Amino acid sequence: MYEARVLSVLLYGAATLLTYRAQESCLSAFRNRIIRSIVGVFGKIKMTNDDLLQLTNSGPLSSRLKVFTLRWAGHVNRMPKDRLPHAVLHSVLREGT
């Protein structure tokens, strides 16, 4: 249920995003709060995030984001060269940073 409802909404469109550590940290914190509420770990019950992920057989969110991004990049790379996403992925800036 968590994978289908919560994670799919949380990571919708994440394949096309460039995420930074601060954003990944916010996403992970949100995911951990949701998992804690589903499992029933509240208030005075202390459980580390690693123990929580081990209990639910989940891995780090950053690795899942990387998988999504690499899958999307591979999809765009296999597109015909005249498609705009392929052209943008392989483009080079002439000026600026």
PDB file of N, CA and C in Angstrom:
ATOM      1  N   MET A   1       0.823  -1.184   0.000  1.00  0.00           N
ATOM      2  CA  MET A   1       0.000   0.000   0.000  1.00  0.00           C
ATOM      3  C   MET A   1       0.879   1.264   0.000  1.00  0.00           C
ATOM      4  N   TYR A   2       1.908   1.226   0.832  1.00  0.00           N
ATOM      5  CA  TYR A   2       2.825   2.376   0.924  1.00  0.00           C
ATOM      6  C   TYR A   2       3.510   2.632  -0.413  1.00  0.00           C
ATOM      7  N   GLU A   3       4.013   1.570  -1.034  1.00  0.00           N
ATOM      8  CA  GLU A   3       4.703   1.710  -2.317  1.00  0.00           C
ATOM      9  C   GLU A   3       3.764   2.282  -3.374  1.00  0.00           C
ATOM     10  N   ALA A   4       2.535   1.791  -3.417  1.00  0.00           N
ATOM     11  CA  ALA A   4       1.602   2.189  -4.467  1.00  0.00           C
ATOM     12  C   ALA A   4       1.061   3.591  -4.268  1.00  0.00           C
ATOM     13  N   ARG A   5       0.737   3.945  -3.063  1.00  0.00           N
ATOM     14  CA  ARG A   5       0.070   5.230  -2.829  1.00  0.00           C
ATOM     15  C   ARG A   5       1.019   6.358  -2.453  1.00  0.00           C
ATOM     16  N   VAL A   6       1.804   6.141  -1.426  1.00  0.00           N
ATOM     17  CA  VAL A   6       2.627   7.225  -0.890  1.00  0.00           C
ATOM     18  C   VAL A   6       3.863   7.470  -1.747  1.00  0.00           C
ATOM     19  N   LEU A   7       4.619   6.417  -1.994  1.00  0.00           N
ATOM     20  CA  LEU A   7       5.880   6.586  -2.710  1.00  0.00           C
ATOM     21  C   LEU A   7       5.679   7.011  -4.153  1.00  0.00           C
ATOM     22  N   SER A   8       4.635   6.518  -4.781  1.00  0.00           N
ATOM     23  CA  SER A   8       4.396   6.922  -6.169  1.00  0.00           C
ATOM     24  C   SER A   8       4.059   8.403  -6.266  1.00  0.00           C
ATOM     25  N   VAL A   9       3.312   8.932  -5.303  1.00  0.00           N
ATOM     26  CA  VAL A   9       2.988  10.364  -5.305  1.00  0.00           C
ATOM     27  C   VAL A   9       4.211  11.189  -4.926  1.00  0.00           C
ATOM     28  N   LEU A  10       4.964  10.707  -3.948  1.00  0.00           N
ATOM     29  CA  LEU A  10       6.143  11.438  -3.481  1.00  0.00           C
ATOM     30  C   LEU A  10       7.198  11.571  -4.575  1.00  0.00           C
ATOM     31  N   LEU A  11       7.374  10.525  -5.355  1.00  0.00           N
ATOM     32  CA  LEU A  11       8.441  10.515  -6.355  1.00  0.00           C
ATOM     33  C   LEU A  11       7.941  10.752  -7.779  1.00  0.00           C
ATOM     34  N   TYR A  12       6.712  11.207  -7.918  1.00  0.00           N
ATOM     35  CA  TYR A  12       6.173  11.465  -9.250  1.00  0.00           C
ATOM     36  C   TYR A  12       7.009  12.536  -9.944  1.00  0.00           C
ATOM     37  N   GLY A  13       7.522  12.248 -11.088  1.00  0.00           N
ATOM     38  CA  GLY A  13       8.328  13.201 -11.837  1.00  0.00           C
ATOM     39  C   GLY A  13       9.747  13.347 -11.337  1.00  0.00           C
ATOM     40  N   ALA A  14      10.146  12.544 -10.355  1.00  0.00           N
ATOM     41  CA  ALA A  14      11.482  12.677  -9.773  1.00  0.00           C
ATOM     42  C   ALA A  14      12.574  12.286 -10.754  1.00  0.00           C
ATOM     43  N   ALA A  15      12.238  11.522 -11.772  1.00  0.00           N
ATOM     44  CA  ALA A  15      13.262  11.092 -12.731  1.00  0.00           C
ATOM     45  C   ALA A  15      13.814  12.265 -13.519  1.00  0.00           C
ATOM     46  N   THR A  16      13.014  13.279 -13.714  1.00  0.00           N
ATOM     47  CA  THR A  16      13.452  14.415 -14.515  1.00  0.00           C
ATOM     48  C   THR A  16      14.034  15.536 -13.670  1.00  0.00           C
ATOM     49  N   LEU A  17      14.071  15.376 -12.358  1.00  0.00           N
ATOM     50  CA  LEU A  17      14.563  16.427 -11.475  1.00  0.00           C
ATOM     51  C   LEU A  17      16.033  16.231 -11.148  1.00  0.00           C
ATOM     52  N   LEU A  18      16.711  17.324 -10.964  1.00  0.00           N
ATOM     53  CA  LEU A  18      18.064  17.296 -10.444  1.00  0.00           C
ATOM     54  C   LEU A  18      17.940  17.624  -8.966  1.00  0.00           C
ATOM     55  N   THR A  19      18.141  16.640  -8.112  1.00  0.00           N
ATOM     56  CA  THR A  19      17.957  16.860  -6.679  1.00  0.00           C
ATOM     57  C   THR A  19      19.297  17.083  -6.000  1.00  0.00           C
ATOM     58  N   TYR A  20      19.276  17.910  -4.985  1.00  0.00           N
ATOM     59  CA  TYR A  20      20.443  18.183  -4.175  1.00  0.00           C
ATOM     60  C   TYR A  20      20.281  17.490  -2.837  1.00  0.00           C
ATOM     61  N   ARG A  21      21.337  17.447  -2.051  1.00  0.00           N
ATOM     62  CA  ARG A  21      21.273  16.747  -0.761  1.00  0.00           C
ATOM     63  C   ARG A  21      20.202  17.311   0.156  1.00  0.00           C
ATOM     64  N   ALA A  22      20.035  18.608   0.162  1.00  0.00           N
ATOM     65  CA  ALA A  22      19.021  19.212   1.034  1.00  0.00           C
ATOM     66  C   ALA A  22      17.620  18.749   0.629  1.00  0.00           C
ATOM     67  N   GLN A  23      17.369  18.677  -0.668  1.00  0.00           N
ATOM     68  CA  GLN A  23      16.067  18.208  -1.137  1.00  0.00           C
ATOM     69  C   GLN A  23      15.883  16.729  -0.838  1.00  0.00           C
ATOM     70  N   GLU A  24      16.926  15.934  -1.044  1.00  0.00           N
ATOM     71  CA  GLU A  24      16.840  14.512  -0.732  1.00  0.00           C
ATOM     72  C   GLU A  24      16.621  14.305   0.753  1.00  0.00           C
ATOM     73  N   SER A  25      17.242  15.147   1.567  1.00  0.00           N
ATOM     74  CA  SER A  25      17.061  15.056   3.015  1.00  0.00           C
ATOM     75  C   SER A  25      15.611  15.354   3.411  1.00  0.00           C
ATOM     76  N   CYS A  26      15.019  16.365   2.794  1.00  0.00           N
ATOM     77  CA  CYS A  26      13.614  16.691   3.075  1.00  0.00           C
ATOM     78  C   CYS A  26      12.688  15.566   2.635  1.00  0.00           C
ATOM     79  N   LEU A  27      12.938  14.990   1.463  1.00  0.00           N
ATOM     80  CA  LEU A  27      12.127  13.867   0.986  1.00  0.00           C
ATOM     81  C   LEU A  27      12.259  12.657   1.902  1.00  0.00           C
ATOM     82  N   SER A  28      13.490  12.388   2.371  1.00  0.00           N
ATOM     83  CA  SER A  28      13.709  11.259   3.270  1.00  0.00           C
ATOM     84  C   SER A  28      13.025  11.475   4.613  1.00  0.00           C
ATOM     85  N   ALA A  29      13.085  12.702   5.119  1.00  0.00           N
ATOM     86  CA  ALA A  29      12.426  13.001   6.394  1.00  0.00           C
ATOM     87  C   ALA A  29      10.916  12.812   6.285  1.00  0.00           C
ATOM     88  N   PHE A  30      10.348  13.270   5.181  1.00  0.00           N
ATOM     89  CA  PHE A  30       8.913  13.091   4.969  1.00  0.00           C
ATOM     90  C   PHE A  30       8.565  11.605   4.886  1.00  0.00           C
ATOM     91  N   ARG A  31       9.356  10.854   4.123  1.00  0.00           N
ATOM     92  CA  ARG A  31       9.107   9.421   3.982  1.00  0.00           C
ATOM     93  C   ARG A  31       9.203   8.719   5.333  1.00  0.00           C
ATOM     94  N   ASN A  32      10.202   9.081   6.141  1.00  0.00           N
ATOM     95  CA  ASN A  32      10.350   8.459   7.455  1.00  0.00           C
ATOM     96  C   ASN A  32       9.166   8.770   8.360  1.00  0.00           C
ATOM     97  N   ARG A  33       8.643  10.011   8.292  1.00  0.00           N
ATOM     98  CA  ARG A  33       7.457  10.346   9.094  1.00  0.00           C
ATOM     99  C   ARG A  33       6.260   9.510   8.676  1.00  0.00           C
ATOM    100  N   ILE A  34       6.082   9.329   7.371  1.00  0.00           N
ATOM    101  CA  ILE A  34       4.969   8.528   6.878  1.00  0.00           C
ATOM    102  C   ILE A  34       5.119   7.074   7.321  1.00  0.00           C
ATOM    103  N   ILE A  35       6.322   6.530   7.191  1.00  0.00           N
ATOM    104  CA  ILE A  35       6.544   5.140   7.594  1.00  0.00           C
ATOM    105  C   ILE A  35       6.312   4.979   9.088  1.00  0.00           C
ATOM    106  N   ARG A  36       6.776   5.943   9.887  1.00  0.00           N
ATOM    107  CA  ARG A  36       6.544   5.871  11.335  1.00  0.00           C
ATOM    108  C   ARG A  36       5.059   5.867  11.664  1.00  0.00           C
ATOM    109  N   SER A  37       4.285   6.652  10.951  1.00  0.00           N
ATOM    110  CA  SER A  37       2.849   6.680  11.233  1.00  0.00           C
ATOM    111  C   SER A  37       2.179   5.383  10.778  1.00  0.00           C
ATOM    112  N   ILE A  38       2.634   4.791   9.690  1.00  0.00           N
ATOM    113  CA  ILE A  38       2.064   3.528   9.225  1.00  0.00           C
ATOM    114  C   ILE A  38       2.407   2.394  10.191  1.00  0.00           C
ATOM    115  N   VAL A  39       3.676   2.351  10.629  1.00  0.00           N
ATOM    116  CA  VAL A  39       4.128   1.282  11.522  1.00  0.00           C
ATOM    117  C   VAL A  39       3.607   1.495  12.940  1.00  0.00           C
ATOM    118  N   GLY A  40       3.372   2.735  13.325  1.00  0.00           N
ATOM    119  CA  GLY A  40       2.871   3.030  14.663  1.00  0.00           C
ATOM    120  C   GLY A  40       3.958   3.382  15.656  1.00  0.00           C
ATOM    121  N   VAL A  41       5.061   3.919  15.168  1.00  0.00           N
ATOM    122  CA  VAL A  41       6.160   4.335  16.036  1.00  0.00           C
ATOM    123  C   VAL A  41       6.006   5.829  16.278  1.00  0.00           C
ATOM    124  N   PHE A  42       5.503   6.202  17.448  1.00  0.00           N
ATOM    125  CA  PHE A  42       5.244   7.603  17.768  1.00  0.00           C
ATOM    126  C   PHE A  42       5.950   7.995  19.057  1.00  0.00           C
ATOM    127  N   GLY A  43       6.032   9.296  19.258  1.00  0.00           N
ATOM    128  CA  GLY A  43       6.407   9.918  20.526  1.00  0.00           C
ATOM    129  C   GLY A  43       7.557   9.293  21.274  1.00  0.00           C
ATOM    130  N   LYS A  44       7.252   8.613  22.381  1.00  0.00           N
ATOM    131  CA  LYS A  44       8.286   8.132  23.293  1.00  0.00           C
ATOM    132  C   LYS A  44       8.973   6.863  22.815  1.00  0.00           C
ATOM    133  N   ILE A  45       8.440   6.236  21.790  1.00  0.00           N
ATOM    134  CA  ILE A  45       9.087   5.052  21.240  1.00  0.00           C
ATOM    135  C   ILE A  45      10.243   5.523  20.365  1.00  0.00           C
ATOM    136  N   LYS A  46      11.448   5.143  20.740  1.00  0.00           N
ATOM    137  CA  LYS A  46      12.634   5.576  20.007  1.00  0.00           C
ATOM    138  C   LYS A  46      13.063   4.493  19.035  1.00  0.00           C
ATOM    139  N   MET A  47      13.258   4.879  17.798  1.00  0.00           N
ATOM    140  CA  MET A  47      13.745   3.964  16.766  1.00  0.00           C
ATOM    141  C   MET A  47      14.531   4.789  15.767  1.00  0.00           C
ATOM    142  N   THR A  48      15.732   4.336  15.454  1.00  0.00           N
ATOM    143  CA  THR A  48      16.543   5.070  14.483  1.00  0.00           C
ATOM    144  C   THR A  48      15.962   4.891  13.087  1.00  0.00           C
ATOM    145  N   ASN A  49      16.333   5.793  12.214  1.00  0.00           N
ATOM    146  CA  ASN A  49      15.863   5.703  10.835  1.00  0.00           C
ATOM    147  C   ASN A  49      16.371   4.430  10.161  1.00  0.00           C
ATOM    148  N   ASP A  50      17.600   4.020  10.476  1.00  0.00           N
ATOM    149  CA  ASP A  50      18.139   2.786   9.897  1.00  0.00           C
ATOM    150  C   ASP A  50      17.333   1.567  10.349  1.00  0.00           C
ATOM    151  N   ASP A  51      16.971   1.540  11.637  1.00  0.00           N
ATOM    152  CA  ASP A  51      16.145   0.436  12.131  1.00  0.00           C
ATOM    153  C   ASP A  51      14.764   0.454  11.491  1.00  0.00           C
ATOM    154  N   LEU A  52      14.236   1.637  11.273  1.00  0.00           N
ATOM    155  CA  LEU A  52      12.930   1.773  10.643  1.00  0.00           C
ATOM    156  C   LEU A  52      12.954   1.254   9.206  1.00  0.00           C
ATOM    157  N   LEU A  53      13.989   1.603   8.465  1.00  0.00           N
ATOM    158  CA  LEU A  53      14.119   1.132   7.088  1.00  0.00           C
ATOM    159  C   LEU A  53      14.358  -0.369   7.033  1.00  0.00           C
ATOM    160  N   GLN A  54      15.098  -0.887   8.016  1.00  0.00           N
ATOM    161  CA  GLN A  54      15.339  -2.324   8.070  1.00  0.00           C
ATOM    162  C   GLN A  54      14.053  -3.075   8.400  1.00  0.00           C
ATOM    163  N   LEU A  55      13.236  -2.507   9.273  1.00  0.00           N
ATOM    164  CA  LEU A  55      11.962  -3.119   9.640  1.00  0.00           C
ATOM    165  C   LEU A  55      11.017  -3.213   8.449  1.00  0.00           C
ATOM    166  N   THR A  56      11.048  -2.207   7.591  1.00  0.00           N
ATOM    167  CA  THR A  56      10.139  -2.163   6.444  1.00  0.00           C
ATOM    168  C   THR A  56      10.774  -2.677   5.157  1.00  0.00           C
ATOM    169  N   ASN A  57      11.999  -3.183   5.244  1.00  0.00           N
ATOM    170  CA  ASN A  57      12.729  -3.679   4.070  1.00  0.00           C
ATOM    171  C   ASN A  57      12.827  -2.629   2.969  1.00  0.00           C
ATOM    172  N   SER A  58      13.107  -1.392   3.357  1.00  0.00           N
ATOM    173  CA  SER A  58      13.270  -0.287   2.413  1.00  0.00           C
ATOM    174  C   SER A  58      14.728   0.132   2.383  1.00  0.00           C
ATOM    175  N   GLY A  59      15.146   0.619   1.252  1.00  0.00           N
ATOM    176  CA  GLY A  59      16.492   1.151   1.133  1.00  0.00           C
ATOM    177  C   GLY A  59      16.465   2.664   1.220  1.00  0.00           C
ATOM    178  N   PRO A  60      17.617   3.282   1.132  1.00  0.00           N
ATOM    179  CA  PRO A  60      17.663   4.737   1.157  1.00  0.00           C
ATOM    180  C   PRO A  60      16.936   5.344  -0.044  1.00  0.00           C
ATOM    181  N   LEU A  61      16.292   6.464   0.163  1.00  0.00           N
ATOM    182  CA  LEU A  61      15.539   7.120  -0.890  1.00  0.00           C
ATOM    183  C   LEU A  61      16.466   7.668  -1.972  1.00  0.00           C
ATOM    184  N   SER A  62      17.669   8.065  -1.597  1.00  0.00           N
ATOM    185  CA  SER A  62      18.606   8.624  -2.574  1.00  0.00           C
ATOM    186  C   SER A  62      18.967   7.592  -3.640  1.00  0.00           C
ATOM    187  N   SER A  63      19.100   6.327  -3.257  1.00  0.00           N
ATOM    188  CA  SER A  63      19.425   5.303  -4.250  1.00  0.00           C
ATOM    189  C   SER A  63      18.256   5.080  -5.199  1.00  0.00           C
ATOM    190  N   ARG A  64      17.039   5.164  -4.695  1.00  0.00           N
ATOM    191  CA  ARG A  64      15.869   5.006  -5.563  1.00  0.00           C
ATOM    192  C   ARG A  64      15.761   6.179  -6.533  1.00  0.00           C
ATOM    193  N   LEU A  65      16.073   7.382  -6.060  1.00  0.00           N
ATOM    194  CA  LEU A  65      16.062   8.550  -6.944  1.00  0.00           C
ATOM    195  C   LEU A  65      17.099   8.402  -8.056  1.00  0.00           C
ATOM    196  N   LYS A  66      18.278   7.881  -7.711  1.00  0.00           N
ATOM    197  CA  LYS A  66      19.324   7.687  -8.717  1.00  0.00           C
ATOM    198  C   LYS A  66      18.901   6.660  -9.761  1.00  0.00           C
ATOM    199  N   VAL A  67      18.231   5.603  -9.316  1.00  0.00           N
ATOM    200  CA  VAL A  67      17.748   4.591 -10.259  1.00  0.00           C
ATOM    201  C   VAL A  67      16.737   5.199 -11.220  1.00  0.00           C
ATOM    202  N   PHE A  68      15.798   6.001 -10.682  1.00  0.00           N
ATOM    203  CA  PHE A  68      14.800   6.661 -11.538  1.00  0.00           C
ATOM    204  C   PHE A  68      15.463   7.576 -12.551  1.00  0.00           C
ATOM    205  N   THR A  69      16.439   8.359 -12.097  1.00  0.00           N
ATOM    206  CA  THR A  69      17.117   9.306 -12.973  1.00  0.00           C
ATOM    207  C   THR A  69      17.900   8.584 -14.066  1.00  0.00           C
ATOM    208  N   LEU A  70      18.613   7.527 -13.694  1.00  0.00           N
ATOM    209  CA  LEU A  70      19.376   6.772 -14.692  1.00  0.00           C
ATOM    210  C   LEU A  70      18.453   6.062 -15.675  1.00  0.00           C
ATOM    211  N   ARG A  71      17.331   5.555 -15.201  1.00  0.00           N
ATOM    212  CA  ARG A  71      16.376   4.905 -16.101  1.00  0.00           C
ATOM    213  C   ARG A  71      15.828   5.909 -17.110  1.00  0.00           C
ATOM    214  N   TRP A  72      15.518   7.120 -16.628  1.00  0.00           N
ATOM    215  CA  TRP A  72      14.999   8.163 -17.513  1.00  0.00           C
ATOM    216  C   TRP A  72      16.067   8.595 -18.527  1.00  0.00           C
ATOM    217  N   ALA A  73      17.306   8.752 -18.048  1.00  0.00           N
ATOM    218  CA  ALA A  73      18.386   9.156 -18.955  1.00  0.00           C
ATOM    219  C   ALA A  73      18.618   8.103 -20.035  1.00  0.00           C
ATOM    220  N   GLY A  74      18.528   6.834 -19.672  1.00  0.00           N
ATOM    221  CA  GLY A  74      18.665   5.779 -20.664  1.00  0.00           C
ATOM    222  C   GLY A  74      17.532   5.803 -21.675  1.00  0.00           C
ATOM    223  N   HIS A  75      16.320   6.082 -21.187  1.00  0.00           N
ATOM    224  CA  HIS A  75      15.170   6.183 -22.092  1.00  0.00           C
ATOM    225  C   HIS A  75      15.356   7.325 -23.087  1.00  0.00           C
ATOM    226  N   VAL A  76      15.790   8.470 -22.587  1.00  0.00           N
ATOM    227  CA  VAL A  76      16.001   9.628 -23.463  1.00  0.00           C
ATOM    228  C   VAL A  76      17.151   9.368 -24.424  1.00  0.00           C
ATOM    229  N   ASN A  77      18.184   8.691 -23.967  1.00  0.00           N
ATOM    230  CA  ASN A  77      19.326   8.393 -24.824  1.00  0.00           C
ATOM    231  C   ASN A  77      18.942   7.480 -25.988  1.00  0.00           C
ATOM    232  N   ARG A  78      17.964   6.606 -25.787  1.00  0.00           N
ATOM    233  CA  ARG A  78      17.519   5.698 -26.852  1.00  0.00           C
ATOM    234  C   ARG A  78      16.526   6.350 -27.812  1.00  0.00           C
ATOM    235  N   MET A  79      16.073   7.569 -27.493  1.00  0.00           N
ATOM    236  CA  MET A  79      15.141   8.271 -28.382  1.00  0.00           C
ATOM    237  C   MET A  79      15.838   8.631 -29.687  1.00  0.00           C
ATOM    238  N   PRO A  80      15.064   8.858 -30.751  1.00  0.00           N
ATOM    239  CA  PRO A  80      15.664   9.357 -31.993  1.00  0.00           C
ATOM    240  C   PRO A  80      16.340  10.710 -31.756  1.00  0.00           C
ATOM    241  N   LYS A  81      17.382  10.966 -32.498  1.00  0.00           N
ATOM    242  CA  LYS A  81      18.180  12.174 -32.278  1.00  0.00           C
ATOM    243  C   LYS A  81      17.427  13.462 -32.583  1.00  0.00           C
ATOM    244  N   ASP A  82      16.366  13.397 -33.339  1.00  0.00           N
ATOM    245  CA  ASP A  82      15.619  14.615 -33.655  1.00  0.00           C
ATOM    246  C   ASP A  82      14.615  14.989 -32.573  1.00  0.00           C
ATOM    247  N   ARG A  83      14.431  14.160 -31.559  1.00  0.00           N
ATOM    248  CA  ARG A  83      13.510  14.474 -30.461  1.00  0.00           C
ATOM    249  C   ARG A  83      14.138  15.500 -29.521  1.00  0.00           C
ATOM    250  N   LEU A  84      13.339  16.413 -29.019  1.00  0.00           N
ATOM    251  CA  LEU A  84      13.835  17.499 -28.170  1.00  0.00           C
ATOM    252  C   LEU A  84      14.503  17.004 -26.883  1.00  0.00           C
ATOM    253  N   PRO A  85      13.940  16.047 -26.135  1.00  0.00           N
ATOM    254  CA  PRO A  85      14.642  15.601 -24.917  1.00  0.00           C
ATOM    255  C   PRO A  85      16.034  15.042 -25.209  1.00  0.00           C
ATOM    256  N   HIS A  86      16.179  14.322 -26.318  1.00  0.00           N
ATOM    257  CA  HIS A  86      17.492  13.787 -26.685  1.00  0.00           C
ATOM    258  C   HIS A  86      18.453  14.923 -27.016  1.00  0.00           C
ATOM    259  N   ALA A  87      17.972  15.918 -27.739  1.00  0.00           N
ATOM    260  CA  ALA A  87      18.820  17.055 -28.100  1.00  0.00           C
ATOM    261  C   ALA A  87      19.250  17.839 -26.862  1.00  0.00           C
ATOM    262  N   VAL A  88      18.347  18.005 -25.908  1.00  0.00           N
ATOM    263  CA  VAL A  88      18.678  18.743 -24.685  1.00  0.00           C
ATOM    264  C   VAL A  88      19.668  17.961 -23.833  1.00  0.00           C
ATOM    265  N   LEU A  89      19.474  16.639 -23.743  1.00  0.00           N
ATOM    266  CA  LEU A  89      20.374  15.815 -22.942  1.00  0.00           C
ATOM    267  C   LEU A  89      21.799  15.862 -23.476  1.00  0.00           C
ATOM    268  N   HIS A  90      21.961  15.933 -24.774  1.00  0.00           N
ATOM    269  CA  HIS A  90      23.291  15.915 -25.385  1.00  0.00           C
ATOM    270  C   HIS A  90      23.789  17.285 -25.815  1.00  0.00           C
ATOM    271  N   SER A  91      23.120  18.331 -25.388  1.00  0.00           N
ATOM    272  CA  SER A  91      23.531  19.680 -25.792  1.00  0.00           C
ATOM    273  C   SER A  91      24.679  20.185 -24.920  1.00  0.00           C
ATOM    274  N   VAL A  92      25.382  21.184 -25.440  1.00  0.00           N
ATOM    275  CA  VAL A  92      26.502  21.802 -24.761  1.00  0.00           C
ATOM    276  C   VAL A  92      26.275  23.306 -24.770  1.00  0.00           C
ATOM    277  N   LEU A  93      26.520  23.975 -23.633  1.00  0.00           N
ATOM    278  CA  LEU A  93      26.394  25.417 -23.556  1.00  0.00           C
ATOM    279  C   LEU A  93      27.536  26.088 -24.312  1.00  0.00           C
ATOM    280  N   ARG A  94      27.203  27.067 -25.098  1.00  0.00           N
ATOM    281  CA  ARG A  94      28.252  27.815 -25.818  1.00  0.00           C
ATOM    282  C   ARG A  94      28.832  28.920 -24.943  1.00  0.00           C
ATOM    283  N   GLU A  95      27.975  29.492 -24.100  1.00  0.00           N
ATOM    284  CA  GLU A  95      28.408  30.577 -23.213  1.00  0.00           C
ATOM    285  C   GLU A  95      27.813  30.352 -21.836  1.00  0.00           C
ATOM    286  N   GLY A  96      28.404  30.989 -20.866  1.00  0.00           N
ATOM    287  CA  GLY A  96      27.863  30.937 -19.506  1.00  0.00           C
ATOM    288  C   GLY A  96      28.277  29.688 -18.753  1.00  0.00           C
ATOM    289  N   THR A  97      27.679  29.562 -17.584  1.00  0.00           N
ATOM    290  CA  THR A  97      28.000  28.409 -16.727  1.00  0.00           C
ATOM    291  C   THR A  97      26.757  27.621 -16.442  1.00  0.00           C
TER     292      THR A  97
END
